[in-house]
Amino acid sequence: MLLGVERRTILFGIGLTELLLIFVIALLFVGPKRLPGVARSIGRVWGQLSDMSRQFYAALTDAAKEQNADGPSVPDWLSDVAKPGSSIKVRPLGEDDDKT
């Protein structure tokens, strides 16, 4: 929010003004006769990418659910790292292991 005005994004952080600018540039490069066909092609590709993204997300979600169903996914040693007083000792770089 900038100066009390909320910027609404439509697609990937692109607002309405940016979308209109892209449309005008596309109109200049493609021309008014070919623009509907190009827009249709882009729409088809966009739909396919959207479907692939949904399928990928669903596969990741299913894999995560299966992983959580099998038991804890974080190994015990990793959860011990976050505990204060853990047995892990930190030494400056360059010190030999046998000095401790």
Protein backbone atom coordinates (compact mmCIF):
# COMPACT_ATOMS: atom_id res chain seq x y z
CA MET A 1 0.00 0.00 0.00
CA LEU A 2 1.53 3.28 -1.09
CA LEU A 3 0.10 6.58 0.12
CA GLY A 4 -3.11 4.90 1.18
CA VAL A 5 -3.78 3.47 -2.28
CA GLU A 6 -3.85 -0.29 -2.52
CA ARG A 7 -2.47 -1.68 -5.77
CA ARG A 8 -4.50 -4.60 -7.05
CA THR A 9 -2.65 -7.25 -8.97
CA ILE A 10 -4.34 -9.32 -11.60
CA LEU A 11 -1.71 -11.79 -12.67
CA PHE A 12 1.82 -12.50 -11.36
CA GLY A 13 2.04 -9.10 -9.72
CA ILE A 14 0.95 -7.35 -12.91
CA GLY A 15 -1.62 -4.63 -12.39
CA LEU A 16 -4.24 -3.32 -14.76
CA THR A 17 -2.06 -0.53 -16.15
CA GLU A 18 0.79 -2.94 -16.94
CA LEU A 19 -1.66 -5.32 -18.59
CA LEU A 20 -3.02 -2.51 -20.77
CA LEU A 21 0.52 -1.49 -21.72
CA ILE A 22 1.31 -5.08 -22.74
CA PHE A 23 -1.90 -5.14 -24.81
CA VAL A 24 -0.97 -1.93 -26.63
CA ILE A 25 2.56 -3.18 -27.37
CA ALA A 26 1.16 -6.51 -28.62
CA LEU A 27 -1.29 -4.63 -30.81
CA LEU A 28 1.56 -2.64 -32.34
CA PHE A 29 3.76 -5.68 -32.98
CA VAL A 30 1.14 -8.23 -34.07
CA GLY A 31 -1.46 -5.99 -35.63
CA PRO A 32 -5.22 -5.86 -35.16
CA LYS A 33 -5.98 -8.68 -37.62
CA ARG A 34 -3.73 -11.31 -36.02
CA LEU A 35 -4.21 -10.23 -32.39
CA PRO A 36 -7.31 -12.40 -31.68
CA GLY A 37 -5.57 -15.53 -32.99
CA VAL A 38 -2.44 -14.81 -31.00
CA ALA A 39 -4.53 -14.14 -27.89
CA ARG A 40 -6.33 -17.47 -28.38
CA SER A 41 -3.03 -19.31 -28.70
CA ILE A 42 -1.67 -17.63 -25.59
CA GLY A 43 -4.88 -18.51 -23.75
CA ARG A 44 -4.56 -22.16 -24.74
CA VAL A 45 -0.95 -22.32 -23.60
CA TRP A 46 -1.88 -20.50 -20.39
CA GLY A 47 -4.61 -23.07 -19.70
CA GLN A 48 -2.22 -25.96 -20.29
CA LEU A 49 0.37 -24.42 -17.97
CA SER A 50 -2.29 -23.84 -15.35
CA ASP A 51 -3.42 -27.48 -15.54
CA MET A 52 0.17 -28.70 -15.31
CA SER A 53 0.74 -26.46 -12.29
CA ARG A 54 -2.37 -27.82 -10.55
CA GLN A 55 -1.32 -31.41 -11.25
CA PHE A 56 2.20 -30.74 -9.97
CA TYR A 57 0.85 -29.11 -6.80
CA ALA A 58 -1.54 -32.03 -6.24
CA ALA A 59 1.31 -34.54 -6.66
CA LEU A 60 3.46 -32.63 -4.18
CA THR A 61 0.59 -32.43 -1.70
CA ASP A 62 -0.09 -36.16 -2.00
CA ALA A 63 3.59 -36.97 -1.53
CA ALA A 64 3.74 -34.76 1.56
CA LYS A 65 0.64 -36.45 3.01
CA GLU A 66 2.16 -39.89 2.39
CA GLN A 67 5.41 -38.80 4.03
CA ASN A 68 3.58 -37.52 7.10
CA ALA A 69 1.46 -40.67 7.30
CA ASP A 70 4.60 -42.86 7.55
CA GLY A 71 5.85 -41.04 10.63
CA PRO A 72 7.83 -37.98 11.52
CA SER A 73 9.73 -36.62 8.57
CA VAL A 74 12.38 -34.80 10.61
CA PRO A 75 15.18 -37.06 11.84
CA ASP A 76 15.88 -37.05 15.58
CA TRP A 77 19.36 -35.59 15.19
CA LEU A 78 17.98 -32.65 13.25
CA SER A 79 15.44 -31.78 15.92
CA ASP A 80 18.23 -32.00 18.55
CA VAL A 81 20.17 -29.27 16.73
CA ALA A 82 17.58 -26.68 17.68
CA LYS A 83 17.63 -27.64 21.37
CA PRO A 84 19.73 -25.49 23.70
CA GLY A 85 22.63 -27.38 25.26
CA SER A 86 22.83 -29.78 22.37
CA SER A 87 25.91 -31.97 22.04
CA ILE A 88 27.00 -30.19 18.89
CA LYS A 89 30.04 -28.00 19.49
CA VAL A 90 30.97 -25.11 17.26
CA ARG A 91 34.64 -24.25 16.74
CA PRO A 92 36.26 -21.55 14.64
CA LEU A 93 37.37 -22.58 11.18
CA GLY A 94 40.92 -23.83 10.98
CA GLU A 95 41.05 -25.49 14.41
CA ASP A 96 42.06 -29.13 14.44
CA ASP A 97 39.62 -31.72 15.75
CA ASP A 98 42.18 -33.34 18.06
CA LYS A 99 42.82 -30.13 20.09
CA THR A 100 39.44 -30.34 21.83
